């Protein structure tokens, strides 16, 4: 995340750097997101071979992406009982809106903090 922030501050940041910085994501979470965009809606066990990683590692990354709002989790029920989760990447347009909102909120918080700025 530090490298992403440095690139952004130097005017060399990419969309990937912004997402990593705003949502505290690592390279693997970004790889999972991109993989899900290419693969389409999928379960963790379906993505695992595609990403060449263990299912539990993919699952943890998906959970972080769901928490950050970049991926949506849908629960499917099996006819014979039980359930499974299908993950879908949020479309880029929606993420763009979310990022703009996050940046606007951050900017407002920084302005408020600077108004209270006091050096003893």
PDB file of N, CA and C in Angstrom:
ATOM      1  N   UNK A   1       0.821  -1.187   0.000  1.00  0.00           N
ATOM      2  CA  UNK A   1       0.000   0.000   0.000  1.00  0.00           C
ATOM      3  C   UNK A   1       0.868   1.255   0.000  1.00  0.00           C
ATOM      4  N   UNK A   2       1.989   1.219   0.690  1.00  0.00           N
ATOM      5  CA  UNK A   2       2.866   2.400   0.732  1.00  0.00           C
ATOM      6  C   UNK A   2       3.383   2.756  -0.657  1.00  0.00           C
ATOM      7  N   UNK A   3       3.745   1.722  -1.417  1.00  0.00           N
ATOM      8  CA  UNK A   3       4.240   1.975  -2.767  1.00  0.00           C
ATOM      9  C   UNK A   3       3.150   2.599  -3.626  1.00  0.00           C
ATOM     10  N   UNK A   4       1.912   2.133  -3.455  1.00  0.00           N
ATOM     11  CA  UNK A   4       0.790   2.698  -4.206  1.00  0.00           C
ATOM     12  C   UNK A   4       0.590   4.162  -3.857  1.00  0.00           C
ATOM     13  N   UNK A   5       0.671   4.486  -2.571  1.00  0.00           N
ATOM     14  CA  UNK A   5       0.496   5.882  -2.129  1.00  0.00           C
ATOM     15  C   UNK A   5       1.599   6.749  -2.710  1.00  0.00           C
ATOM     16  N   UNK A   6       2.824   6.261  -2.693  1.00  0.00           N
ATOM     17  CA  UNK A   6       3.944   7.028  -3.237  1.00  0.00           C
ATOM     18  C   UNK A   6       3.751   7.290  -4.729  1.00  0.00           C
ATOM     19  N   UNK A   7       3.283   6.276  -5.465  1.00  0.00           N
ATOM     20  CA  UNK A   7       3.046   6.454  -6.899  1.00  0.00           C
ATOM     21  C   UNK A   7       1.940   7.471  -7.149  1.00  0.00           C
ATOM     22  N   UNK A   8       0.887   7.403  -6.342  1.00  0.00           N
ATOM     23  CA  UNK A   8      -0.228   8.356  -6.490  1.00  0.00           C
ATOM     24  C   UNK A   8       0.261   9.776  -6.205  1.00  0.00           C
ATOM     25  N   UNK A   9       1.018   9.943  -5.138  1.00  0.00           N
ATOM     26  CA  UNK A   9       1.507  11.275  -4.757  1.00  0.00           C
ATOM     27  C   UNK A   9       2.478  11.831  -5.790  1.00  0.00           C
ATOM     28  N   UNK A  10       3.165  10.957  -6.508  1.00  0.00           N
ATOM     29  CA  UNK A  10       4.108  11.393  -7.543  1.00  0.00           C
ATOM     30  C   UNK A  10       3.400  11.628  -8.885  1.00  0.00           C
ATOM     31  N   UNK A  11       2.080  11.424  -8.895  1.00  0.00           N
ATOM     32  CA  UNK A  11       1.331  11.602 -10.137  1.00  0.00           C
ATOM     33  C   UNK A  11       1.490  10.452 -11.106  1.00  0.00           C
ATOM     34  N   UNK A  12       1.967   9.308 -10.612  1.00  0.00           N
ATOM     35  CA  UNK A  12       2.196   8.140 -11.465  1.00  0.00           C
ATOM     36  C   UNK A  12       1.277   6.977 -11.103  1.00  0.00           C
ATOM     37  N   UNK A  13       0.267   7.238 -10.279  1.00  0.00           N
ATOM     38  CA  UNK A  13      -0.619   6.185  -9.816  1.00  0.00           C
ATOM     39  C   UNK A  13      -1.574   5.706 -10.892  1.00  0.00           C
ATOM     40  N   UNK A  14      -1.918   4.435 -10.783  1.00  0.00           N
ATOM     41  CA  UNK A  14      -2.892   3.829 -11.688  1.00  0.00           C
ATOM     42  C   UNK A  14      -4.188   3.602 -10.912  1.00  0.00           C
ATOM     43  N   UNK A  15      -5.201   3.165 -11.610  1.00  0.00           N
ATOM     44  CA  UNK A  15      -6.467   2.813 -10.962  1.00  0.00           C
ATOM     45  C   UNK A  15      -6.216   1.731  -9.907  1.00  0.00           C
ATOM     46  N   UNK A  16      -5.382   0.770 -10.252  1.00  0.00           N
ATOM     47  CA  UNK A  16      -5.036  -0.307  -9.322  1.00  0.00           C
ATOM     48  C   UNK A  16      -4.418   0.257  -8.047  1.00  0.00           C
ATOM     49  N   UNK A  17      -3.535   1.240  -8.178  1.00  0.00           N
ATOM     50  CA  UNK A  17      -2.903   1.857  -7.012  1.00  0.00           C
ATOM     51  C   UNK A  17      -3.936   2.561  -6.138  1.00  0.00           C
ATOM     52  N   UNK A  18      -4.877   3.237  -6.762  1.00  0.00           N
ATOM     53  CA  UNK A  18      -5.922   3.944  -6.013  1.00  0.00           C
ATOM     54  C   UNK A  18      -6.769   2.946  -5.225  1.00  0.00           C
ATOM     55  N   UNK A  19      -7.183   1.865  -5.873  1.00  0.00           N
ATOM     56  CA  UNK A  19      -7.995   0.852  -5.191  1.00  0.00           C
ATOM     57  C   UNK A  19      -7.225   0.213  -4.041  1.00  0.00           C
ATOM     58  N   UNK A  20      -5.963  -0.123  -4.274  1.00  0.00           N
ATOM     59  CA  UNK A  20      -5.140  -0.726  -3.225  1.00  0.00           C
ATOM     60  C   UNK A  20      -5.027   0.211  -2.031  1.00  0.00           C
ATOM     61  N   UNK A  21      -4.834   1.480  -2.303  1.00  0.00           N
ATOM     62  CA  UNK A  21      -4.658   2.471  -1.251  1.00  0.00           C
ATOM     63  C   UNK A  21      -5.964   2.728  -0.486  1.00  0.00           C
ATOM     64  N   UNK A  22      -7.040   2.968  -1.205  1.00  0.00           N
ATOM     65  CA  UNK A  22      -8.322   3.295  -0.570  1.00  0.00           C
ATOM     66  C   UNK A  22      -8.891   2.151   0.258  1.00  0.00           C
ATOM     67  N   UNK A  23      -8.738   0.929  -0.230  1.00  0.00           N
ATOM     68  CA  UNK A  23      -9.377  -0.210   0.420  1.00  0.00           C
ATOM     69  C   UNK A  23      -8.393  -1.137   1.127  1.00  0.00           C
ATOM     70  N   UNK A  24      -7.147  -0.712   1.265  1.00  0.00           N
ATOM     71  CA  UNK A  24      -6.102  -1.500   1.939  1.00  0.00           C
ATOM     72  C   UNK A  24      -5.985  -2.911   1.357  1.00  0.00           C
ATOM     73  N   UNK A  25      -5.906  -2.969   0.051  1.00  0.00           N
ATOM     74  CA  UNK A  25      -5.788  -4.250  -0.646  1.00  0.00           C
ATOM     75  C   UNK A  25      -4.347  -4.531  -1.031  1.00  0.00           C
ATOM     76  N   UNK A  26      -4.034  -5.801  -1.150  1.00  0.00           N
ATOM     77  CA  UNK A  26      -2.717  -6.215  -1.605  1.00  0.00           C
ATOM     78  C   UNK A  26      -2.765  -6.644  -3.063  1.00  0.00           C
ATOM     79  N   UNK A  27      -1.613  -7.033  -3.562  1.00  0.00           N
ATOM     80  CA  UNK A  27      -1.525  -7.471  -4.956  1.00  0.00           C
ATOM     81  C   UNK A  27      -2.415  -8.675  -5.236  1.00  0.00           C
ATOM     82  N   UNK A  28      -2.467  -9.627  -4.283  1.00  0.00           N
ATOM     83  CA  UNK A  28      -3.256 -10.826  -4.550  1.00  0.00           C
ATOM     84  C   UNK A  28      -4.752 -10.517  -4.611  1.00  0.00           C
ATOM     85  N   UNK A  29      -5.236  -9.647  -3.731  1.00  0.00           N
ATOM     86  CA  UNK A  29      -6.658  -9.274  -3.801  1.00  0.00           C
ATOM     87  C   UNK A  29      -6.978  -8.645  -5.153  1.00  0.00           C
ATOM     88  N   UNK A  30      -6.072  -7.832  -5.663  1.00  0.00           N
ATOM     89  CA  UNK A  30      -6.289  -7.218  -6.975  1.00  0.00           C
ATOM     90  C   UNK A  30      -6.269  -8.285  -8.074  1.00  0.00           C
ATOM     91  N   UNK A  31      -5.393  -9.279  -7.924  1.00  0.00           N
ATOM     92  CA  UNK A  31      -5.343 -10.381  -8.886  1.00  0.00           C
ATOM     93  C   UNK A  31      -6.655 -11.169  -8.868  1.00  0.00           C
ATOM     94  N   UNK A  32      -7.187 -11.400  -7.677  1.00  0.00           N
ATOM     95  CA  UNK A  32      -8.461 -12.115  -7.550  1.00  0.00           C
ATOM     96  C   UNK A  32      -9.576 -11.305  -8.196  1.00  0.00           C
ATOM     97  N   UNK A  33      -9.595  -9.996  -7.956  1.00  0.00           N
ATOM     98  CA  UNK A  33     -10.633  -9.149  -8.557  1.00  0.00           C
ATOM     99  C   UNK A  33     -10.557  -9.208 -10.090  1.00  0.00           C
ATOM    100  N   UNK A  34      -9.354  -9.046 -10.619  1.00  0.00           N
ATOM    101  CA  UNK A  34      -9.182  -9.107 -12.072  1.00  0.00           C
ATOM    102  C   UNK A  34      -9.555 -10.484 -12.615  1.00  0.00           C
ATOM    103  N   UNK A  35      -9.206 -11.534 -11.878  1.00  0.00           N
ATOM    104  CA  UNK A  35      -9.553 -12.892 -12.280  1.00  0.00           C
ATOM    105  C   UNK A  35     -11.055 -13.090 -12.308  1.00  0.00           C
ATOM    106  N   UNK A  36     -11.733 -12.543 -11.315  1.00  0.00           N
ATOM    107  CA  UNK A  36     -13.186 -12.649 -11.259  1.00  0.00           C
ATOM    108  C   UNK A  36     -13.836 -11.873 -12.403  1.00  0.00           C
ATOM    109  N   UNK A  37     -13.243 -10.753 -12.773  1.00  0.00           N
ATOM    110  CA  UNK A  37     -13.750  -9.989 -13.924  1.00  0.00           C
ATOM    111  C   UNK A  37     -13.653 -10.819 -15.203  1.00  0.00           C
ATOM    112  N   UNK A  38     -12.545 -11.530 -15.371  1.00  0.00           N
ATOM    113  CA  UNK A  38     -12.342 -12.351 -16.573  1.00  0.00           C
ATOM    114  C   UNK A  38     -13.178 -13.625 -16.532  1.00  0.00           C
ATOM    115  N   UNK A  39     -13.206 -14.266 -15.371  1.00  0.00           N
ATOM    116  CA  UNK A  39     -13.851 -15.564 -15.210  1.00  0.00           C
ATOM    117  C   UNK A  39     -15.374 -15.440 -15.168  1.00  0.00           C
ATOM    118  N   UNK A  40     -15.861 -14.348 -14.581  1.00  0.00           N
ATOM    119  CA  UNK A  40     -17.295 -14.178 -14.369  1.00  0.00           C
ATOM    120  C   UNK A  40     -17.679 -14.701 -12.998  1.00  0.00           C
ATOM    121  N   UNK A  41     -18.978 -14.649 -12.650  1.00  0.00           N
ATOM    122  CA  UNK A  41     -19.412 -15.126 -11.335  1.00  0.00           C
ATOM    123  C   UNK A  41     -18.926 -16.544 -11.076  1.00  0.00           C
ATOM    124  N   UNK A  42     -18.391 -16.755  -9.863  1.00  0.00           N
ATOM    125  CA  UNK A  42     -17.796 -18.063  -9.561  1.00  0.00           C
ATOM    126  C   UNK A  42     -17.711 -18.297  -8.064  1.00  0.00           C
ATOM    127  N   UNK A  43     -17.537 -19.564  -7.712  1.00  0.00           N
ATOM    128  CA  UNK A  43     -17.259 -19.959  -6.337  1.00  0.00           C
ATOM    129  C   UNK A  43     -15.747 -19.905  -6.113  1.00  0.00           C
ATOM    130  N   UNK A  44     -15.341 -19.877  -4.863  1.00  0.00           N
ATOM    131  CA  UNK A  44     -13.912 -19.840  -4.538  1.00  0.00           C
ATOM    132  C   UNK A  44     -13.195 -21.070  -5.095  1.00  0.00           C
ATOM    133  N   UNK A  45     -13.844 -22.240  -5.021  1.00  0.00           N
ATOM    134  CA  UNK A  45     -13.189 -23.460  -5.513  1.00  0.00           C
ATOM    135  C   UNK A  45     -13.062 -23.475  -7.036  1.00  0.00           C
ATOM    136  N   UNK A  46     -13.892 -22.712  -7.734  1.00  0.00           N
ATOM    137  CA  UNK A  46     -13.766 -22.612  -9.191  1.00  0.00           C
ATOM    138  C   UNK A  46     -12.640 -21.651  -9.575  1.00  0.00           C
ATOM    139  N   UNK A  47     -12.468 -20.597  -8.782  1.00  0.00           N
ATOM    140  CA  UNK A  47     -11.410 -19.614  -9.062  1.00  0.00           C
ATOM    141  C   UNK A  47     -10.026 -20.134  -8.697  1.00  0.00           C
ATOM    142  N   UNK A  48      -9.969 -20.990  -7.703  1.00  0.00           N
ATOM    143  CA  UNK A  48      -8.695 -21.477  -7.183  1.00  0.00           C
ATOM    144  C   UNK A  48      -7.751 -22.020  -8.257  1.00  0.00           C
ATOM    145  N   UNK A  49      -8.179 -22.949  -9.110  1.00  0.00           N
ATOM    146  CA  UNK A  49      -7.264 -23.448 -10.148  1.00  0.00           C
ATOM    147  C   UNK A  49      -6.914 -22.376 -11.181  1.00  0.00           C
ATOM    148  N   UNK A  50      -7.869 -21.512 -11.482  1.00  0.00           N
ATOM    149  CA  UNK A  50      -7.659 -20.418 -12.435  1.00  0.00           C
ATOM    150  C   UNK A  50      -6.555 -19.479 -11.940  1.00  0.00           C
ATOM    151  N   UNK A  51      -6.537 -19.246 -10.611  1.00  0.00           N
ATOM    152  CA  UNK A  51      -5.546 -18.343 -10.012  1.00  0.00           C
ATOM    153  C   UNK A  51      -4.305 -19.075  -9.502  1.00  0.00           C
ATOM    154  N   UNK A  52      -4.346 -20.404  -9.584  1.00  0.00           N
ATOM    155  CA  UNK A  52      -3.232 -21.249  -9.131  1.00  0.00           C
ATOM    156  C   UNK A  52      -2.900 -21.005  -7.653  1.00  0.00           C
ATOM    157  N   UNK A  53      -3.938 -20.925  -6.845  1.00  0.00           N
ATOM    158  CA  UNK A  53      -3.795 -20.757  -5.396  1.00  0.00           C
ATOM    159  C   UNK A  53      -4.773 -21.665  -4.673  1.00  0.00           C
ATOM    160  N   UNK A  54      -4.483 -21.940  -3.417  1.00  0.00           N
ATOM    161  CA  UNK A  54      -5.337 -22.760  -2.580  1.00  0.00           C
ATOM    162  C   UNK A  54      -6.698 -22.088  -2.395  1.00  0.00           C
ATOM    163  N   UNK A  55      -7.743 -22.906  -2.298  1.00  0.00           N
ATOM    164  CA  UNK A  55      -9.109 -22.388  -2.155  1.00  0.00           C
ATOM    165  C   UNK A  55      -9.246 -21.465  -0.941  1.00  0.00           C
ATOM    166  N   UNK A  56      -8.618 -21.818   0.174  1.00  0.00           N
ATOM    167  CA  UNK A  56      -8.741 -20.993   1.381  1.00  0.00           C
ATOM    168  C   UNK A  56      -8.095 -19.621   1.188  1.00  0.00           C
ATOM    169  N   UNK A  57      -7.012 -19.559   0.434  1.00  0.00           N
ATOM    170  CA  UNK A  57      -6.346 -18.282   0.137  1.00  0.00           C
ATOM    171  C   UNK A  57      -7.242 -17.416  -0.737  1.00  0.00           C
ATOM    172  N   UNK A  58      -7.857 -18.030  -1.728  1.00  0.00           N
ATOM    173  CA  UNK A  58      -8.776 -17.306  -2.617  1.00  0.00           C
ATOM    174  C   UNK A  58      -9.985 -16.836  -1.822  1.00  0.00           C
ATOM    175  N   UNK A  59     -10.501 -17.692  -0.946  1.00  0.00           N
ATOM    176  CA  UNK A  59     -11.663 -17.346  -0.127  1.00  0.00           C
ATOM    177  C   UNK A  59     -11.372 -16.125   0.748  1.00  0.00           C
ATOM    178  N   UNK A  60     -10.209 -16.090   1.397  1.00  0.00           N
ATOM    179  CA  UNK A  60      -9.844 -14.943   2.243  1.00  0.00           C
ATOM    180  C   UNK A  60      -9.781 -13.656   1.422  1.00  0.00           C
ATOM    181  N   UNK A  61      -9.207 -13.743   0.227  1.00  0.00           N
ATOM    182  CA  UNK A  61      -9.130 -12.563  -0.639  1.00  0.00           C
ATOM    183  C   UNK A  61     -10.532 -12.114  -1.055  1.00  0.00           C
ATOM    184  N   UNK A  62     -11.402 -13.082  -1.366  1.00  0.00           N
ATOM    185  CA  UNK A  62     -12.776 -12.743  -1.748  1.00  0.00           C
ATOM    186  C   UNK A  62     -13.508 -12.068  -0.594  1.00  0.00           C
ATOM    187  N   UNK A  63     -13.301 -12.560   0.626  1.00  0.00           N
ATOM    188  CA  UNK A  63     -13.941 -11.943   1.794  1.00  0.00           C
ATOM    189  C   UNK A  63     -13.506 -10.485   1.946  1.00  0.00           C
ATOM    190  N   UNK A  64     -12.220 -10.225   1.750  1.00  0.00           N
ATOM    191  CA  UNK A  64     -11.721  -8.852   1.851  1.00  0.00           C
ATOM    192  C   UNK A  64     -12.315  -7.978   0.745  1.00  0.00           C
ATOM    193  N   UNK A  65     -12.445  -8.532  -0.451  1.00  0.00           N
ATOM    194  CA  UNK A  65     -13.026  -7.794  -1.571  1.00  0.00           C
ATOM    195  C   UNK A  65     -14.516  -7.522  -1.345  1.00  0.00           C
ATOM    196  N   UNK A  66     -15.225  -8.462  -0.722  1.00  0.00           N
ATOM    197  CA  UNK A  66     -16.638  -8.251  -0.387  1.00  0.00           C
ATOM    198  C   UNK A  66     -16.749  -7.126   0.633  1.00  0.00           C
ATOM    199  N   UNK A  67     -15.902  -7.173   1.664  1.00  0.00           N
ATOM    200  CA  UNK A  67     -15.914  -6.135   2.699  1.00  0.00           C
ATOM    201  C   UNK A  67     -15.625  -4.759   2.110  1.00  0.00           C
ATOM    202  N   UNK A  68     -14.750  -4.702   1.132  1.00  0.00           N
ATOM    203  CA  UNK A  68     -14.398  -3.418   0.518  1.00  0.00           C
ATOM    204  C   UNK A  68     -15.436  -2.941  -0.496  1.00  0.00           C
ATOM    205  N   UNK A  69     -16.365  -3.812  -0.866  1.00  0.00           N
ATOM    206  CA  UNK A  69     -17.413  -3.433  -1.810  1.00  0.00           C
ATOM    207  C   UNK A  69     -17.058  -3.623  -3.272  1.00  0.00           C
ATOM    208  N   UNK A  70     -15.948  -4.297  -3.550  1.00  0.00           N
ATOM    209  CA  UNK A  70     -15.542  -4.531  -4.933  1.00  0.00           C
ATOM    210  C   UNK A  70     -16.122  -5.827  -5.506  1.00  0.00           C
ATOM    211  N   UNK A  71     -16.599  -6.688  -4.614  1.00  0.00           N
ATOM    212  CA  UNK A  71     -17.173  -7.982  -5.009  1.00  0.00           C
ATOM    213  C   UNK A  71     -18.465  -8.183  -4.227  1.00  0.00           C
ATOM    214  N   UNK A  72     -19.435  -8.826  -4.869  1.00  0.00           N
ATOM    215  CA  UNK A  72     -20.715  -9.144  -4.238  1.00  0.00           C
ATOM    216  C   UNK A  72     -20.789 -10.651  -4.047  1.00  0.00           C
ATOM    217  N   UNK A  73     -21.257 -11.065  -2.861  1.00  0.00           N
ATOM    218  CA  UNK A  73     -21.413 -12.491  -2.551  1.00  0.00           C
ATOM    219  C   UNK A  73     -22.895 -12.830  -2.550  1.00  0.00           C
ATOM    220  N   UNK A  74     -23.251 -13.882  -3.279  1.00  0.00           N
ATOM    221  CA  UNK A  74     -24.629 -14.351  -3.333  1.00  0.00           C
ATOM    222  C   UNK A  74     -24.663 -15.789  -2.844  1.00  0.00           C
ATOM    223  N   UNK A  75     -25.595 -16.084  -1.955  1.00  0.00           N
ATOM    224  CA  UNK A  75     -25.736 -17.445  -1.421  1.00  0.00           C
ATOM    225  C   UNK A  75     -26.744 -18.215  -2.258  1.00  0.00           C
ATOM    226  N   UNK A  76     -26.332 -19.391  -2.714  1.00  0.00           N
ATOM    227  CA  UNK A  76     -27.193 -20.278  -3.496  1.00  0.00           C
ATOM    228  C   UNK A  76     -27.502 -21.504  -2.632  1.00  0.00           C
ATOM    229  N   UNK A  77     -28.763 -21.928  -2.648  1.00  0.00           N
ATOM    230  CA  UNK A  77     -29.188 -23.093  -1.878  1.00  0.00           C
ATOM    231  C   UNK A  77     -29.254 -24.317  -2.784  1.00  0.00           C
ATOM    232  N   UNK A  78     -28.745 -25.422  -2.264  1.00  0.00           N
ATOM    233  CA  UNK A  78     -28.805 -26.689  -2.996  1.00  0.00           C
ATOM    234  C   UNK A  78     -30.153 -27.367  -2.749  1.00  0.00           C
ATOM    235  N   UNK A  79     -30.685 -28.050  -3.745  1.00  0.00           N
ATOM    236  CA  UNK A  79     -31.986 -28.716  -3.620  1.00  0.00           C
ATOM    237  C   UNK A  79     -31.982 -29.782  -2.522  1.00  0.00           C
ATOM    238  N   UNK A  80     -30.863 -30.474  -2.371  1.00  0.00           N
ATOM    239  CA  UNK A  80     -30.769 -31.545  -1.378  1.00  0.00           C
ATOM    240  C   UNK A  80     -30.301 -31.041  -0.018  1.00  0.00           C
ATOM    241  N   UNK A  81     -30.264 -29.737   0.150  1.00  0.00           N
ATOM    242  CA  UNK A  81     -29.812 -29.152   1.409  1.00  0.00           C
ATOM    243  C   UNK A  81     -28.410 -28.587   1.265  1.00  0.00           C
ATOM    244  N   UNK A  82     -28.094 -27.635   2.087  1.00  0.00           N
ATOM    245  CA  UNK A  82     -26.791 -26.986   2.044  1.00  0.00           C
ATOM    246  C   UNK A  82     -26.815 -25.750   1.158  1.00  0.00           C
ATOM    247  N   UNK A  83     -25.683 -25.105   1.069  1.00  0.00           N
ATOM    248  CA  UNK A  83     -25.584 -23.889   0.260  1.00  0.00           C
ATOM    249  C   UNK A  83     -24.139 -23.668  -0.171  1.00  0.00           C
ATOM    250  N   UNK A  84     -23.961 -22.723  -1.086  1.00  0.00           N
ATOM    251  CA  UNK A  84     -22.625 -22.305  -1.515  1.00  0.00           C
ATOM    252  C   UNK A  84     -22.705 -20.834  -1.882  1.00  0.00           C
ATOM    253  N   UNK A  85     -21.543 -20.209  -2.010  1.00  0.00           N
ATOM    254  CA  UNK A  85     -21.474 -18.775  -2.308  1.00  0.00           C
ATOM    255  C   UNK A  85     -20.914 -18.555  -3.712  1.00  0.00           C
ATOM    256  N   UNK A  86     -21.555 -17.671  -4.432  1.00  0.00           N
ATOM    257  CA  UNK A  86     -21.089 -17.269  -5.754  1.00  0.00           C
ATOM    258  C   UNK A  86     -20.668 -15.806  -5.653  1.00  0.00           C
ATOM    259  N   UNK A  87     -19.478 -15.504  -6.136  1.00  0.00           N
ATOM    260  CA  UNK A  87     -18.923 -14.155  -6.060  1.00  0.00           C
ATOM    261  C   UNK A  87     -18.929 -13.513  -7.441  1.00  0.00           C
ATOM    262  N   UNK A  88     -19.284 -12.227  -7.476  1.00  0.00           N
ATOM    263  CA  UNK A  88     -19.315 -11.464  -8.728  1.00  0.00           C
ATOM    264  C   UNK A  88     -18.566 -10.157  -8.540  1.00  0.00           C
ATOM    265  N   UNK A  89     -17.801  -9.776  -9.533  1.00  0.00           N
ATOM    266  CA  UNK A  89     -17.096  -8.493  -9.492  1.00  0.00           C
ATOM    267  C   UNK A  89     -18.101  -7.364  -9.707  1.00  0.00           C
ATOM    268  N   UNK A  90     -17.975  -6.320  -8.919  1.00  0.00           N
ATOM    269  CA  UNK A  90     -18.807  -5.131  -9.108  1.00  0.00           C
ATOM    270  C   UNK A  90     -18.308  -4.434 -10.372  1.00  0.00           C
ATOM    271  N   UNK A  91     -19.216  -3.975 -11.244  1.00  0.00           N
ATOM    272  CA  UNK A  91     -18.794  -3.318 -12.482  1.00  0.00           C
ATOM    273  C   UNK A  91     -17.936  -2.069 -12.219  1.00  0.00           C
ATOM    274  N   UNK A  92     -17.026  -1.811 -13.135  1.00  0.00           N
ATOM    275  CA  UNK A  92     -16.082  -0.693 -13.001  1.00  0.00           C
ATOM    276  C   UNK A  92     -16.791   0.644 -12.792  1.00  0.00           C
ATOM    277  N   UNK A  93     -17.933   0.848 -13.448  1.00  0.00           N
ATOM    278  CA  UNK A  93     -18.646   2.122 -13.303  1.00  0.00           C
ATOM    279  C   UNK A  93     -19.087   2.356 -11.859  1.00  0.00           C
ATOM    280  N   UNK A  94     -19.569   1.301 -11.212  1.00  0.00           N
ATOM    281  CA  UNK A  94     -20.009   1.412  -9.811  1.00  0.00           C
ATOM    282  C   UNK A  94     -18.815   1.653  -8.888  1.00  0.00           C
ATOM    283  N   UNK A  95     -17.710   0.974  -9.191  1.00  0.00           N
ATOM    284  CA  UNK A  95     -16.500   1.179  -8.373  1.00  0.00           C
ATOM    285  C   UNK A  95     -16.009   2.604  -8.538  1.00  0.00           C
ATOM    286  N   UNK A  96     -16.063   3.119  -9.741  1.00  0.00           N
ATOM    287  CA  UNK A  96     -15.649   4.497 -10.003  1.00  0.00           C
ATOM    288  C   UNK A  96     -16.467   5.465  -9.141  1.00  0.00           C
ATOM    289  N   UNK A  97     -17.774   5.263  -9.075  1.00  0.00           N
ATOM    290  CA  UNK A  97     -18.639   6.100  -8.237  1.00  0.00           C
ATOM    291  C   UNK A  97     -18.243   5.976  -6.769  1.00  0.00           C
ATOM    292  N   UNK A  98     -18.013   4.736  -6.315  1.00  0.00           N
ATOM    293  CA  UNK A  98     -17.640   4.500  -4.914  1.00  0.00           C
ATOM    294  C   UNK A  98     -16.310   5.166  -4.582  1.00  0.00           C
ATOM    295  N   UNK A  99     -15.349   5.066  -5.488  1.00  0.00           N
ATOM    296  CA  UNK A  99     -14.037   5.678  -5.265  1.00  0.00           C
ATOM    297  C   UNK A  99     -14.175   7.196  -5.157  1.00  0.00           C
ATOM    298  N   UNK A 100     -14.944   7.790  -6.054  1.00  0.00           N
ATOM    299  CA  UNK A 100     -15.148   9.246  -6.002  1.00  0.00           C
ATOM    300  C   UNK A 100     -15.779   9.665  -4.688  1.00  0.00           C
ATOM    301  N   UNK A 101     -16.763   8.904  -4.215  1.00  0.00           N
ATOM    302  CA  UNK A 101     -17.407   9.201  -2.940  1.00  0.00           C
ATOM    303  C   UNK A 101     -16.402   9.093  -1.796  1.00  0.00           C
ATOM    304  N   UNK A 102     -15.596   8.036  -1.788  1.00  0.00           N
ATOM    305  CA  UNK A 102     -14.580   7.847  -0.743  1.00  0.00           C
ATOM    306  C   UNK A 102     -13.581   9.000  -0.732  1.00  0.00           C
ATOM    307  N   UNK A 103     -13.141   9.410  -1.910  1.00  0.00           N
ATOM    308  CA  UNK A 103     -12.169  10.501  -1.997  1.00  0.00           C
ATOM    309  C   UNK A 103     -12.783  11.815  -1.532  1.00  0.00           C
ATOM    310  N   UNK A 104     -14.029  12.070  -1.920  1.00  0.00           N
ATOM    311  CA  UNK A 104     -14.714  13.289  -1.472  1.00  0.00           C
ATOM    312  C   UNK A 104     -14.853  13.311   0.050  1.00  0.00           C
ATOM    313  N   UNK A 105     -15.250  12.177   0.629  1.00  0.00           N
ATOM    314  CA  UNK A 105     -15.390  12.093   2.093  1.00  0.00           C
ATOM    315  C   UNK A 105     -14.042  12.290   2.770  1.00  0.00           C
ATOM    316  N   UNK A 106     -13.007  11.651   2.230  1.00  0.00           N
ATOM    317  CA  UNK A 106     -11.664  11.799   2.798  1.00  0.00           C
ATOM    318  C   UNK A 106     -11.226  13.260   2.748  1.00  0.00           C
ATOM    319  N   UNK A 107     -11.439  13.913   1.614  1.00  0.00           N
ATOM    320  CA  UNK A 107     -11.059  15.316   1.453  1.00  0.00           C
ATOM    321  C   UNK A 107     -11.779  16.187   2.480  1.00  0.00           C
ATOM    322  N   UNK A 108     -13.068  15.944   2.695  1.00  0.00           N
ATOM    323  CA  UNK A 108     -13.824  16.715   3.683  1.00  0.00           C
ATOM    324  C   UNK A 108     -13.279  16.498   5.091  1.00  0.00           C
ATOM    325  N   UNK A 109     -12.919  15.261   5.417  1.00  0.00           N
ATOM    326  CA  UNK A 109     -12.347  14.974   6.739  1.00  0.00           C
ATOM    327  C   UNK A 109     -10.989  15.663   6.910  1.00  0.00           C
ATOM    328  N   UNK A 110     -10.196  15.670   5.866  1.00  0.00           N
ATOM    329  CA  UNK A 110      -8.893  16.347   5.933  1.00  0.00           C
ATOM    330  C   UNK A 110      -9.095  17.841   6.132  1.00  0.00           C
ATOM    331  N   UNK A 111     -10.029  18.437   5.415  1.00  0.00           N
ATOM    332  CA  UNK A 111     -10.305  19.873   5.582  1.00  0.00           C
ATOM    333  C   UNK A 111     -10.742  20.179   7.013  1.00  0.00           C
ATOM    334  N   UNK A 112     -11.614  19.331   7.573  1.00  0.00           N
ATOM    335  CA  UNK A 112     -12.056  19.525   8.953  1.00  0.00           C
ATOM    336  C   UNK A 112     -10.876  19.429   9.913  1.00  0.00           C
ATOM    337  N   UNK A 113     -10.013  18.454   9.708  1.00  0.00           N
ATOM    338  CA  UNK A 113      -8.854  18.275  10.574  1.00  0.00           C
ATOM    339  C   UNK A 113      -7.918  19.471  10.476  1.00  0.00           C
ATOM    340  N   UNK A 114      -7.732  20.008   9.268  1.00  0.00           N
ATOM    341  CA  UNK A 114      -6.850  21.162   9.095  1.00  0.00           C
ATOM    342  C   UNK A 114      -7.419  22.414   9.744  1.00  0.00           C
ATOM    343  N   UNK A 115      -8.740  22.539   9.775  1.00  0.00           N
ATOM    344  CA  UNK A 115      -9.362  23.693  10.430  1.00  0.00           C
ATOM    345  C   UNK A 115      -9.128  23.655  11.932  1.00  0.00           C
ATOM    346  N   UNK A 116      -8.970  22.453  12.482  1.00  0.00           N
ATOM    347  CA  UNK A 116      -8.712  22.287  13.915  1.00  0.00           C
ATOM    348  C   UNK A 116      -7.221  22.222  14.213  1.00  0.00           C
ATOM    349  N   UNK A 117      -6.408  22.324  13.176  1.00  0.00           N
ATOM    350  CA  UNK A 117      -4.958  22.171  13.307  1.00  0.00           C
ATOM    351  C   UNK A 117      -4.400  23.190  14.295  1.00  0.00           C
ATOM    352  N   UNK A 118      -3.684  22.680  15.264  1.00  0.00           N
ATOM    353  CA  UNK A 118      -3.131  23.536  16.299  1.00  0.00           C
ATOM    354  C   UNK A 118      -1.775  22.978  16.712  1.00  0.00           C
ATOM    355  N   UNK A 119      -0.756  23.802  16.556  1.00  0.00           N
ATOM    356  CA  UNK A 119       0.582  23.394  16.973  1.00  0.00           C
ATOM    357  C   UNK A 119       0.847  24.053  18.324  1.00  0.00           C
ATOM    358  N   UNK A 120       1.107  23.226  19.347  1.00  0.00           N
ATOM    359  CA  UNK A 120       1.356  23.797  20.691  1.00  0.00           C
ATOM    360  C   UNK A 120       2.634  24.591  20.767  1.00  0.00           C
TER     361      UNK A 120
END
